[in-house]
C-alpha atoms as a PDB file:
ATOM      1  CA  UNK A   1      94.938 180.304 -40.386  1.00  0.00           C
ATOM      2  CA  UNK A   2      91.130 180.048 -40.609  1.00  0.00           C
ATOM      3  CA  UNK A   3      91.236 180.268 -44.400  1.00  0.00           C
ATOM      4  CA  UNK A   4      93.500 177.243 -44.458  1.00  0.00           C
ATOM      5  CA  UNK A   5      91.056 175.082 -42.470  1.00  0.00           C
ATOM      6  CA  UNK A   6      88.100 176.420 -44.425  1.00  0.00           C
ATOM      7  CA  UNK A   7      89.840 175.552 -47.678  1.00  0.00           C
ATOM      8  CA  UNK A   8      90.599 171.978 -46.623  1.00  0.00           C
ATOM      9  CA  UNK A   9      87.094 171.402 -45.261  1.00  0.00           C
ATOM     10  CA  UNK A  10      85.561 172.841 -48.418  1.00  0.00           C
ATOM     11  CA  UNK A  11      87.814 170.701 -50.587  1.00  0.00           C
ATOM     12  CA  UNK A  12      86.785 167.540 -48.722  1.00  0.00           C
ATOM     13  CA  UNK A  13      83.095 168.438 -48.979  1.00  0.00           C
ATOM     14  CA  UNK A  14      83.331 169.220 -52.713  1.00  0.00           C
ATOM     15  CA  UNK A  15      84.999 165.882 -53.387  1.00  0.00           C
ATOM     16  CA  UNK A  16      82.348 164.181 -51.237  1.00  0.00           C
ATOM     17  CA  UNK A  17      79.507 165.798 -53.231  1.00  0.00           C
ATOM     18  CA  UNK A  18      81.018 164.775 -56.558  1.00  0.00           C
ATOM     19  CA  UNK A  19      81.734 161.242 -55.324  1.00  0.00           C
ATOM     20  CA  UNK A  20      78.200 160.894 -53.943  1.00  0.00           C
ATOM     21  CA  UNK A  21      76.736 162.063 -57.251  1.00  0.00           C
ATOM     22  CA  UNK A  22      78.802 159.522 -59.163  1.00  0.00           C
ATOM     23  CA  UNK A  23      77.804 156.824 -56.686  1.00  0.00           C
ATOM     24  CA  UNK A  24      74.119 157.584 -57.174  1.00  0.00           C
ATOM     25  CA  UNK A  25      74.386 157.513 -60.962  1.00  0.00           C
ATOM     26  CA  UNK A  26      76.439 154.350 -61.410  1.00  0.00           C
ATOM     27  CA  UNK A  27      75.488 152.054 -58.515  1.00  0.00           C
ATOM     28  CA  UNK A  28      72.067 150.461 -58.629  1.00  0.00           C
ATOM     29  CA  UNK A  29      71.896 149.753 -54.899  1.00  0.00           C
ATOM     30  CA  UNK A  30      72.098 153.415 -53.916  1.00  0.00           C
ATOM     31  CA  UNK A  31      68.510 154.514 -54.536  1.00  0.00           C
ATOM     32  CA  UNK A  32      65.658 152.365 -55.805  1.00  0.00           C
ATOM     33  CA  UNK A  33      64.094 154.755 -58.337  1.00  0.00           C
ATOM     34  CA  UNK A  34      64.058 154.832 -62.125  1.00  0.00           C
ATOM     35  CA  UNK A  35      67.278 155.541 -64.006  1.00  0.00           C
ATOM     36  CA  UNK A  36      66.326 159.016 -65.250  1.00  0.00           C
ATOM     37  CA  UNK A  37      65.643 160.269 -61.701  1.00  0.00           C
ATOM     38  CA  UNK A  38      68.944 158.813 -60.480  1.00  0.00           C
ATOM     39  CA  UNK A  39      70.843 160.532 -63.294  1.00  0.00           C
ATOM     40  CA  UNK A  40      69.062 163.844 -62.679  1.00  0.00           C
ATOM     41  CA  UNK A  41      69.705 163.733 -58.933  1.00  0.00           C
ATOM     42  CA  UNK A  42      73.324 162.594 -59.393  1.00  0.00           C
ATOM     43  CA  UNK A  43      74.100 165.317 -61.920  1.00  0.00           C
ATOM     44  CA  UNK A  44      72.498 167.933 -59.659  1.00  0.00           C
ATOM     45  CA  UNK A  45      74.708 166.859 -56.748  1.00  0.00           C
ATOM     46  CA  UNK A  46      77.827 166.855 -58.945  1.00  0.00           C
ATOM     47  CA  UNK A  47      77.040 170.352 -60.240  1.00  0.00           C
ATOM     48  CA  UNK A  48      76.468 171.554 -56.675  1.00  0.00           C
ATOM     49  CA  UNK A  49      79.863 170.153 -55.670  1.00  0.00           C
ATOM     50  CA  UNK A  50      81.510 171.975 -58.568  1.00  0.00           C
ATOM     51  CA  UNK A  51      79.661 175.190 -57.682  1.00  0.00           C
ATOM     52  CA  UNK A  52      80.785 174.940 -54.049  1.00  0.00           C
ATOM     53  CA  UNK A  53      84.388 174.344 -55.092  1.00  0.00           C
ATOM     54  CA  UNK A  54      84.377 177.462 -57.284  1.00  0.00           C
ATOM     55  CA  UNK A  55      82.699 179.522 -54.568  1.00  0.00           C
ATOM     56  CA  UNK A  56      85.118 178.274 -51.891  1.00  0.00           C
ATOM     57  CA  UNK A  57      88.108 178.992 -54.103  1.00  0.00           C
ATOM     58  CA  UNK A  58      86.900 182.548 -54.645  1.00  0.00           C
ATOM     59  CA  UNK A  59      86.372 183.094 -50.930  1.00  0.00           C
ATOM     60  CA  UNK A  60      89.779 181.676 -50.011  1.00  0.00           C
ATOM     61  CA  UNK A  61      91.478 183.839 -52.613  1.00  0.00           C
ATOM     62  CA  UNK A  62      90.212 186.873 -50.728  1.00  0.00           C
ATOM     63  CA  UNK A  63      87.355 188.223 -52.781  1.00  0.00           C
ATOM     64  CA  UNK A  64      84.657 189.922 -50.777  1.00  0.00           C
ATOM     65  CA  UNK A  65      80.995 188.965 -50.885  1.00  0.00           C
ATOM     66  CA  UNK A  66      80.170 192.069 -52.943  1.00  0.00           C
ATOM     67  CA  UNK A  67      82.547 190.987 -55.693  1.00  0.00           C
ATOM     68  CA  UNK A  68      80.976 187.533 -55.830  1.00  0.00           C
ATOM     69  CA  UNK A  69      77.402 188.719 -56.455  1.00  0.00           C
END
């Protein structure tokens, strides 16, 4: 049962990271810095969200920590 809640929480957080990254890149009111910094920061957040989704999927599928390293 814990894996089920962990999966849903992880899914929500991954979507939130990706959405926040897109928000930073495309909306000018988000952060008042130059465009290249916004794109860099937004892409970094999106990649982190994708990384967390892959990592969470592997953990939910039952792979141990030793297999993930």
